[in-house]
Amino acid sequence: MDPDLVLTVGQQAMQVMVLLAAPLLGSALLVGLLIGMLQAATQINELTLSFIPKLMAVAAVLMVGGPWMLRLIVDYTRQLIESLPTLVG
């Protein structure tokens, strides 16, 4: 197995991982920022206040983007399994 090939497969895996994680992390970040600004404006210092809205936002993103995420990971896995003979041999 060629080192360049290993780096290519690793790079593709990292790209898929970033594509899968970005919507979830972005929505949690955006909701956390909005809740943080609301807490700063109202001077409410409750740490658990932002947990439920973040959880709901991540669940909504999973419901909306879940089929796309599943299709992305299945396509990548299928491509990786189909390329196993060329990777090993």
N, C-alpha and C. Protein backbone atom coordinates (compact mmCIF):
# COMPACT_ATOMS: atom_id res chain seq x y z
N MET A 1 0.86 -1.18 0.00
CA MET A 1 0.00 0.00 0.00
C MET A 1 0.90 1.23 0.00
N ASP A 2 0.65 2.09 -0.93
CA ASP A 2 1.44 3.29 -1.14
C ASP A 2 1.12 4.34 -0.07
N PRO A 3 2.13 5.02 0.46
CA PRO A 3 1.85 6.06 1.47
C PRO A 3 0.95 7.19 0.95
N ASP A 4 1.10 7.51 -0.33
CA ASP A 4 0.21 8.54 -0.90
C ASP A 4 -1.24 8.09 -0.90
N LEU A 5 -1.45 6.81 -1.13
CA LEU A 5 -2.79 6.26 -1.13
C LEU A 5 -3.41 6.30 0.27
N VAL A 6 -2.59 6.02 1.27
CA VAL A 6 -3.06 6.08 2.66
C VAL A 6 -3.44 7.51 3.01
N LEU A 7 -2.63 8.46 2.59
CA LEU A 7 -2.95 9.87 2.87
C LEU A 7 -4.21 10.32 2.14
N THR A 8 -4.42 9.83 0.92
CA THR A 8 -5.63 10.18 0.17
C THR A 8 -6.88 9.63 0.85
N VAL A 9 -6.81 8.37 1.27
CA VAL A 9 -7.96 7.77 1.96
C VAL A 9 -8.22 8.49 3.28
N GLY A 10 -7.18 8.82 4.01
CA GLY A 10 -7.35 9.57 5.26
C GLY A 10 -7.91 10.95 5.04
N GLN A 11 -7.47 11.61 3.97
CA GLN A 11 -7.98 12.94 3.66
C GLN A 11 -9.46 12.88 3.30
N GLN A 12 -9.85 11.88 2.52
CA GLN A 12 -11.26 11.74 2.16
C GLN A 12 -12.12 11.44 3.40
N ALA A 13 -11.59 10.63 4.31
CA ALA A 13 -12.32 10.33 5.53
C ALA A 13 -12.50 11.58 6.39
N MET A 14 -11.46 12.40 6.46
CA MET A 14 -11.57 13.65 7.23
C MET A 14 -12.56 14.61 6.58
N GLN A 15 -12.59 14.66 5.25
CA GLN A 15 -13.55 15.54 4.56
C GLN A 15 -14.98 15.10 4.84
N VAL A 16 -15.23 13.80 4.81
CA VAL A 16 -16.57 13.29 5.10
C VAL A 16 -16.94 13.59 6.54
N MET A 17 -15.98 13.42 7.46
CA MET A 17 -16.24 13.70 8.86
C MET A 17 -16.60 15.17 9.09
N VAL A 18 -15.87 16.07 8.44
CA VAL A 18 -16.16 17.49 8.58
C VAL A 18 -17.53 17.82 7.99
N LEU A 19 -17.86 17.23 6.83
CA LEU A 19 -19.16 17.48 6.24
C LEU A 19 -20.30 16.97 7.12
N LEU A 20 -20.07 15.88 7.83
CA LEU A 20 -21.11 15.34 8.71
C LEU A 20 -21.24 16.14 10.01
N ALA A 21 -20.13 16.62 10.54
CA ALA A 21 -20.15 17.29 11.84
C ALA A 21 -20.49 18.78 11.75
N ALA A 22 -20.19 19.41 10.62
CA ALA A 22 -20.35 20.86 10.51
C ALA A 22 -21.78 21.34 10.76
N PRO A 23 -22.80 20.74 10.17
CA PRO A 23 -24.16 21.25 10.44
C PRO A 23 -24.57 21.12 11.90
N LEU A 24 -24.20 20.01 12.52
CA LEU A 24 -24.57 19.81 13.93
C LEU A 24 -23.84 20.80 14.83
N LEU A 25 -22.54 20.92 14.63
CA LEU A 25 -21.77 21.84 15.47
C LEU A 25 -22.13 23.29 15.20
N GLY A 26 -22.41 23.61 13.93
CA GLY A 26 -22.79 24.98 13.59
C GLY A 26 -24.10 25.39 14.22
N SER A 27 -25.07 24.50 14.21
CA SER A 27 -26.36 24.84 14.82
C SER A 27 -26.23 24.98 16.34
N ALA A 28 -25.46 24.09 16.96
CA ALA A 28 -25.26 24.19 18.40
C ALA A 28 -24.51 25.48 18.76
N LEU A 29 -23.55 25.85 17.92
CA LEU A 29 -22.80 27.08 18.16
C LEU A 29 -23.70 28.31 18.02
N LEU A 30 -24.52 28.33 16.98
CA LEU A 30 -25.40 29.47 16.76
C LEU A 30 -26.42 29.62 17.88
N VAL A 31 -27.04 28.51 18.28
CA VAL A 31 -28.02 28.58 19.37
C VAL A 31 -27.34 28.97 20.68
N GLY A 32 -26.17 28.42 20.94
CA GLY A 32 -25.43 28.79 22.15
C GLY A 32 -25.07 30.26 22.18
N LEU A 33 -24.69 30.79 21.03
CA LEU A 33 -24.36 32.22 20.96
C LEU A 33 -25.59 33.08 21.21
N LEU A 34 -26.71 32.71 20.61
CA LEU A 34 -27.95 33.48 20.83
C LEU A 34 -28.41 33.41 22.28
N ILE A 35 -28.36 32.23 22.86
CA ILE A 35 -28.75 32.09 24.27
C ILE A 35 -27.78 32.84 25.17
N GLY A 36 -26.50 32.81 24.84
CA GLY A 36 -25.51 33.55 25.62
C GLY A 36 -25.75 35.05 25.58
N MET A 37 -26.10 35.55 24.39
CA MET A 37 -26.40 36.98 24.29
C MET A 37 -27.67 37.33 25.08
N LEU A 38 -28.66 36.44 25.04
CA LEU A 38 -29.89 36.66 25.81
C LEU A 38 -29.59 36.64 27.31
N GLN A 39 -28.74 35.71 27.73
CA GLN A 39 -28.38 35.65 29.15
C GLN A 39 -27.59 36.87 29.57
N ALA A 40 -26.73 37.36 28.70
CA ALA A 40 -25.96 38.56 29.03
C ALA A 40 -26.86 39.79 29.11
N ALA A 41 -27.85 39.85 28.23
CA ALA A 41 -28.75 41.01 28.23
C ALA A 41 -29.67 41.00 29.44
N THR A 42 -30.12 39.82 29.86
CA THR A 42 -31.05 39.75 30.98
C THR A 42 -30.36 39.44 32.30
N GLN A 43 -29.07 39.22 32.28
CA GLN A 43 -28.25 38.92 33.46
C GLN A 43 -28.73 37.66 34.18
N ILE A 44 -29.17 36.68 33.40
CA ILE A 44 -29.53 35.37 33.96
C ILE A 44 -28.28 34.50 33.86
N ASN A 45 -27.78 34.03 34.98
CA ASN A 45 -26.56 33.23 34.99
C ASN A 45 -26.87 31.77 35.28
N GLU A 46 -27.68 31.19 34.45
CA GLU A 46 -28.03 29.78 34.60
C GLU A 46 -27.32 29.00 33.51
N LEU A 47 -26.44 28.08 33.90
CA LEU A 47 -25.65 27.33 32.93
C LEU A 47 -26.47 26.30 32.17
N THR A 48 -27.52 25.78 32.78
CA THR A 48 -28.30 24.74 32.14
C THR A 48 -29.36 25.29 31.20
N LEU A 49 -29.52 26.60 31.13
CA LEU A 49 -30.55 27.21 30.30
C LEU A 49 -30.32 26.97 28.81
N SER A 50 -29.08 26.87 28.39
CA SER A 50 -28.80 26.72 26.96
C SER A 50 -28.80 25.27 26.51
N PHE A 51 -28.90 24.33 27.42
CA PHE A 51 -28.80 22.92 27.05
C PHE A 51 -29.99 22.45 26.20
N ILE A 52 -31.21 22.73 26.64
CA ILE A 52 -32.40 22.26 25.94
C ILE A 52 -32.53 22.90 24.55
N PRO A 53 -32.33 24.22 24.39
CA PRO A 53 -32.40 24.77 23.02
C PRO A 53 -31.33 24.19 22.09
N LYS A 54 -30.13 23.97 22.61
CA LYS A 54 -29.08 23.35 21.78
C LYS A 54 -29.48 21.94 21.38
N LEU A 55 -30.02 21.19 22.31
CA LEU A 55 -30.45 19.83 22.04
C LEU A 55 -31.56 19.81 20.99
N MET A 56 -32.50 20.73 21.10
CA MET A 56 -33.59 20.81 20.14
C MET A 56 -33.08 21.23 18.76
N ALA A 57 -32.12 22.14 18.71
CA ALA A 57 -31.56 22.58 17.43
C ALA A 57 -30.81 21.45 16.75
N VAL A 58 -30.02 20.70 17.52
CA VAL A 58 -29.29 19.58 16.94
C VAL A 58 -30.26 18.50 16.47
N ALA A 59 -31.31 18.26 17.22
CA ALA A 59 -32.32 17.27 16.80
C ALA A 59 -33.02 17.73 15.52
N ALA A 60 -33.31 19.01 15.41
CA ALA A 60 -33.96 19.53 14.19
C ALA A 60 -33.03 19.41 12.99
N VAL A 61 -31.75 19.70 13.19
CA VAL A 61 -30.79 19.56 12.09
C VAL A 61 -30.66 18.10 11.69
N LEU A 62 -30.68 17.20 12.66
CA LEU A 62 -30.62 15.78 12.34
C LEU A 62 -31.86 15.32 11.57
N MET A 63 -33.01 15.84 11.93
CA MET A 63 -34.23 15.46 11.22
C MET A 63 -34.23 15.99 9.79
N VAL A 64 -33.76 17.21 9.61
CA VAL A 64 -33.75 17.82 8.28
C VAL A 64 -32.60 17.27 7.43
N GLY A 65 -31.41 17.22 8.01
CA GLY A 65 -30.23 16.82 7.25
C GLY A 65 -29.84 15.37 7.40
N GLY A 66 -30.58 14.61 8.17
CA GLY A 66 -30.25 13.21 8.41
C GLY A 66 -30.17 12.36 7.16
N PRO A 67 -31.16 12.46 6.26
CA PRO A 67 -31.07 11.65 5.03
C PRO A 67 -29.83 11.98 4.19
N TRP A 68 -29.50 13.26 4.10
CA TRP A 68 -28.30 13.66 3.36
C TRP A 68 -27.05 13.12 4.03
N MET A 69 -26.98 13.20 5.37
CA MET A 69 -25.83 12.69 6.11
C MET A 69 -25.69 11.17 5.93
N LEU A 70 -26.81 10.48 6.02
CA LEU A 70 -26.79 9.03 5.85
C LEU A 70 -26.36 8.65 4.45
N ARG A 71 -26.87 9.35 3.45
CA ARG A 71 -26.48 9.07 2.07
C ARG A 71 -24.99 9.33 1.86
N LEU A 72 -24.47 10.40 2.47
CA LEU A 72 -23.05 10.74 2.34
C LEU A 72 -22.17 9.65 2.93
N ILE A 73 -22.48 9.19 4.13
CA ILE A 73 -21.64 8.18 4.78
C ILE A 73 -21.78 6.83 4.10
N VAL A 74 -22.98 6.50 3.60
CA VAL A 74 -23.16 5.23 2.88
C VAL A 74 -22.40 5.25 1.56
N ASP A 75 -22.46 6.37 0.84
CA ASP A 75 -21.73 6.46 -0.42
C ASP A 75 -20.22 6.37 -0.20
N TYR A 76 -19.73 7.03 0.84
CA TYR A 76 -18.30 6.97 1.13
C TYR A 76 -17.89 5.54 1.52
N THR A 77 -18.70 4.89 2.34
CA THR A 77 -18.37 3.53 2.77
C THR A 77 -18.42 2.58 1.58
N ARG A 78 -19.42 2.73 0.73
CA ARG A 78 -19.52 1.88 -0.46
C ARG A 78 -18.30 2.08 -1.36
N GLN A 79 -17.91 3.34 -1.56
CA GLN A 79 -16.74 3.64 -2.39
C GLN A 79 -15.47 3.03 -1.78
N LEU A 80 -15.34 3.12 -0.47
CA LEU A 80 -14.16 2.56 0.20
C LEU A 80 -14.12 1.04 0.09
N ILE A 81 -15.26 0.40 0.27
CA ILE A 81 -15.31 -1.06 0.19
C ILE A 81 -15.05 -1.53 -1.25
N GLU A 82 -15.60 -0.81 -2.22
CA GLU A 82 -15.37 -1.19 -3.62
C GLU A 82 -13.93 -0.98 -4.04
N SER A 83 -13.22 -0.06 -3.41
CA SER A 83 -11.84 0.19 -3.78
C SER A 83 -10.85 -0.65 -2.96
N LEU A 84 -11.33 -1.53 -2.10
CA LEU A 84 -10.44 -2.38 -1.30
C LEU A 84 -9.50 -3.24 -2.15
N PRO A 85 -9.97 -3.87 -3.21
CA PRO A 85 -9.02 -4.67 -4.00
C PRO A 85 -7.85 -3.86 -4.57
N THR A 86 -8.13 -2.63 -4.98
CA THR A 86 -7.04 -1.80 -5.49
C THR A 86 -6.16 -1.26 -4.37
N LEU A 87 -6.74 -1.09 -3.19
CA LEU A 87 -5.96 -0.58 -2.06
C LEU A 87 -5.01 -1.65 -1.53
N VAL A 88 -5.47 -2.89 -1.48
CA VAL A 88 -4.66 -3.96 -0.92
C VAL A 88 -3.66 -4.49 -1.95
N GLY A 89 -4.11 -4.65 -3.18
CA GLY A 89 -3.27 -5.26 -4.20
C GLY A 89 -2.51 -4.24 -4.92
